[in-house]
C-alpha atoms as a PDB file:
ATOM      1  CA  MET A   1     -91.141  44.573 -12.364  1.00  0.00           C
ATOM      2  CA  VAL A   2     -90.269  41.860 -14.860  1.00  0.00           C
ATOM      3  CA  LEU A   3     -93.009  39.974 -16.670  1.00  0.00           C
ATOM      4  CA  ARG A   4     -93.025  36.199 -16.660  1.00  0.00           C
ATOM      5  CA  VAL A   5     -93.485  34.933 -20.210  1.00  0.00           C
ATOM      6  CA  ILE A   6     -95.240  31.669 -21.059  1.00  0.00           C
ATOM      7  CA  PHE A   7     -95.073  30.258 -24.593  1.00  0.00           C
ATOM      8  CA  THR A   8     -98.219  28.528 -25.861  1.00  0.00           C
ATOM      9  CA  ASP A   9     -97.904  25.414 -28.027  1.00  0.00           C
ATOM     10  CA  HIS A  10     -99.265  27.349 -31.012  1.00  0.00           C
ATOM     11  CA  TYR A  11     -96.604  30.038 -30.557  1.00  0.00           C
ATOM     12  CA  VAL A  12     -93.809  27.446 -30.298  1.00  0.00           C
ATOM     13  CA  ARG A  13     -94.911  25.744 -33.532  1.00  0.00           C
ATOM     14  CA  ALA A  14     -95.041  29.095 -35.358  1.00  0.00           C
ATOM     15  CA  TYR A  15     -91.629  30.061 -33.948  1.00  0.00           C
ATOM     16  CA  GLN A  16     -90.043  26.806 -35.135  1.00  0.00           C
ATOM     17  CA  ARG A  17     -91.035  27.625 -38.735  1.00  0.00           C
ATOM     18  CA  LEU A  18     -89.088  30.923 -38.714  1.00  0.00           C
ATOM     19  CA  SER A  19     -85.676  31.458 -40.312  1.00  0.00           C
ATOM     20  CA  PRO A  20     -82.655  31.387 -37.987  1.00  0.00           C
ATOM     21  CA  GLN A  21     -82.106  35.141 -38.424  1.00  0.00           C
ATOM     22  CA  LEU A  22     -85.726  35.948 -37.572  1.00  0.00           C
ATOM     23  CA  LYS A  23     -85.565  33.657 -34.536  1.00  0.00           C
ATOM     24  CA  GLU A  24     -82.732  35.807 -33.178  1.00  0.00           C
ATOM     25  CA  GLU A  25     -84.787  38.981 -33.731  1.00  0.00           C
ATOM     26  CA  VAL A  26     -87.727  37.359 -31.922  1.00  0.00           C
ATOM     27  CA  LYS A  27     -85.547  36.367 -28.943  1.00  0.00           C
ATOM     28  CA  THR A  28     -84.324  39.958 -28.653  1.00  0.00           C
ATOM     29  CA  ALA A  29     -87.864  41.388 -28.849  1.00  0.00           C
ATOM     30  CA  VAL A  30     -89.172  38.948 -26.219  1.00  0.00           C
ATOM     31  CA  GLU A  31     -86.333  39.879 -23.854  1.00  0.00           C
ATOM     32  CA  LEU A  32     -87.188  43.573 -24.336  1.00  0.00           C
ATOM     33  CA  PHE A  33     -90.874  42.799 -23.749  1.00  0.00           C
ATOM     34  CA  LYS A  34     -90.175  41.242 -20.340  1.00  0.00           C
ATOM     35  CA  ASN A  35     -89.311  44.679 -18.939  1.00  0.00           C
ATOM     36  CA  PRO A  36     -92.276  47.108 -19.214  1.00  0.00           C
ATOM     37  CA  VAL A  37     -89.847  50.025 -19.534  1.00  0.00           C
ATOM     38  CA  ASN A  38     -89.184  48.820 -23.107  1.00  0.00           C
ATOM     39  CA  HIS A  39     -92.832  48.544 -24.192  1.00  0.00           C
ATOM     40  CA  ARG A  40     -92.818  51.806 -26.158  1.00  0.00           C
ATOM     41  CA  ARG A  41     -89.688  50.709 -27.982  1.00  0.00           C
ATOM     42  CA  ILE A  42     -91.335  47.519 -29.278  1.00  0.00           C
ATOM     43  CA  ARG A  43     -94.689  49.261 -29.913  1.00  0.00           C
ATOM     44  CA  PHE A  44     -96.662  47.195 -27.391  1.00  0.00           C
ATOM     45  CA  HIS A  45    -100.368  47.991 -27.729  1.00  0.00           C
ATOM     46  CA  LYS A  46    -103.892  46.724 -27.073  1.00  0.00           C
ATOM     47  CA  LEU A  47    -105.775  45.266 -30.024  1.00  0.00           C
ATOM     48  CA  HIS A  48    -109.334  46.109 -31.061  1.00  0.00           C
ATOM     49  CA  GLY A  49    -112.356  44.372 -32.549  1.00  0.00           C
ATOM     50  CA  ARG A  50    -112.593  40.615 -32.173  1.00  0.00           C
ATOM     51  CA  MET A  51    -109.099  40.573 -30.623  1.00  0.00           C
ATOM     52  CA  LYS A  52    -109.864  43.250 -28.024  1.00  0.00           C
ATOM     53  CA  SER A  53    -108.783  41.010 -25.125  1.00  0.00           C
ATOM     54  CA  LEU A  54    -105.267  40.699 -26.600  1.00  0.00           C
ATOM     55  CA  HIS A  55    -102.165  42.845 -27.059  1.00  0.00           C
ATOM     56  CA  SER A  56     -99.418  42.892 -29.662  1.00  0.00           C
ATOM     57  CA  PHE A  57     -95.807  44.005 -30.002  1.00  0.00           C
ATOM     58  CA  SER A  58     -93.409  44.309 -32.900  1.00  0.00           C
ATOM     59  CA  VAL A  59     -90.374  42.187 -33.647  1.00  0.00           C
ATOM     60  CA  ASN A  60     -89.596  44.249 -36.747  1.00  0.00           C
ATOM     61  CA  TYR A  61     -91.635  46.200 -39.307  1.00  0.00           C
ATOM     62  CA  ARG A  62     -93.245  43.020 -40.634  1.00  0.00           C
ATOM     63  CA  VAL A  63     -93.480  40.523 -37.752  1.00  0.00           C
ATOM     64  CA  ARG A  64     -95.739  40.834 -34.685  1.00  0.00           C
ATOM     65  CA  ILE A  65     -96.308  38.757 -31.562  1.00  0.00           C
ATOM     66  CA  ILE A  66     -99.831  38.381 -30.129  1.00  0.00           C
ATOM     67  CA  VAL A  67    -100.004  38.331 -26.314  1.00  0.00           C
ATOM     68  CA  ARG A  68    -102.642  37.695 -23.636  1.00  0.00           C
ATOM     69  CA  MET A  69    -101.803  39.577 -20.452  1.00  0.00           C
ATOM     70  CA  VAL A  70    -102.607  38.210 -16.979  1.00  0.00           C
ATOM     71  CA  LYS A  71    -101.963  41.412 -15.037  1.00  0.00           C
ATOM     72  CA  LYS A  72    -102.667  40.181 -11.523  1.00  0.00           C
ATOM     73  CA  GLN A  73     -99.867  37.644 -11.853  1.00  0.00           C
ATOM     74  CA  ALA A  74     -97.529  39.716 -14.091  1.00  0.00           C
ATOM     75  CA  VAL A  75     -97.693  36.962 -16.713  1.00  0.00           C
ATOM     76  CA  ALA A  76     -97.792  37.215 -20.483  1.00  0.00           C
ATOM     77  CA  LEU A  77     -98.956  34.316 -22.654  1.00  0.00           C
ATOM     78  CA  LEU A  78     -97.332  34.499 -26.085  1.00  0.00           C
ATOM     79  CA  ILE A  79    -100.062  33.206 -28.384  1.00  0.00           C
ATOM     80  CA  ASP A  80     -98.910  33.648 -31.980  1.00  0.00           C
ATOM     81  CA  ILE A  81     -96.226  35.160 -34.156  1.00  0.00           C
ATOM     82  CA  GLY A  82     -96.374  36.301 -37.773  1.00  0.00           C
ATOM     83  CA  ASP A  83     -97.116  39.172 -40.120  1.00  0.00           C
ATOM     84  CA  HIS A  84    -100.233  41.349 -40.199  1.00  0.00           C
ATOM     85  CA  SER A  85    -102.317  38.406 -41.436  1.00  0.00           C
ATOM     86  CA  LEU A  86    -102.517  37.390 -37.753  1.00  0.00           C
ATOM     87  CA  TYR A  87    -105.151  40.065 -37.326  1.00  0.00           C
ATOM     88  CA  GLU A  88    -107.465  38.641 -39.999  1.00  0.00           C
END
């Protein structure tokens, strides 16, 4: 099963502010994310607290992508991208 990924406007704006090198890392991580077999590799996990309805996965040790899963439709909404300050 391959997930369908939808990019929110907020995510696109945040992505456009990234360096060219980081954009390439993000593209690679998103491609890995589309196949659930790779989820352990990118440390995909459910969030807690006020963000308990969301998930996250890693681009690298510093950058994370916040995701809302729509399981019935195998869709993932990419909501935001950034460092750990996303969780604040």
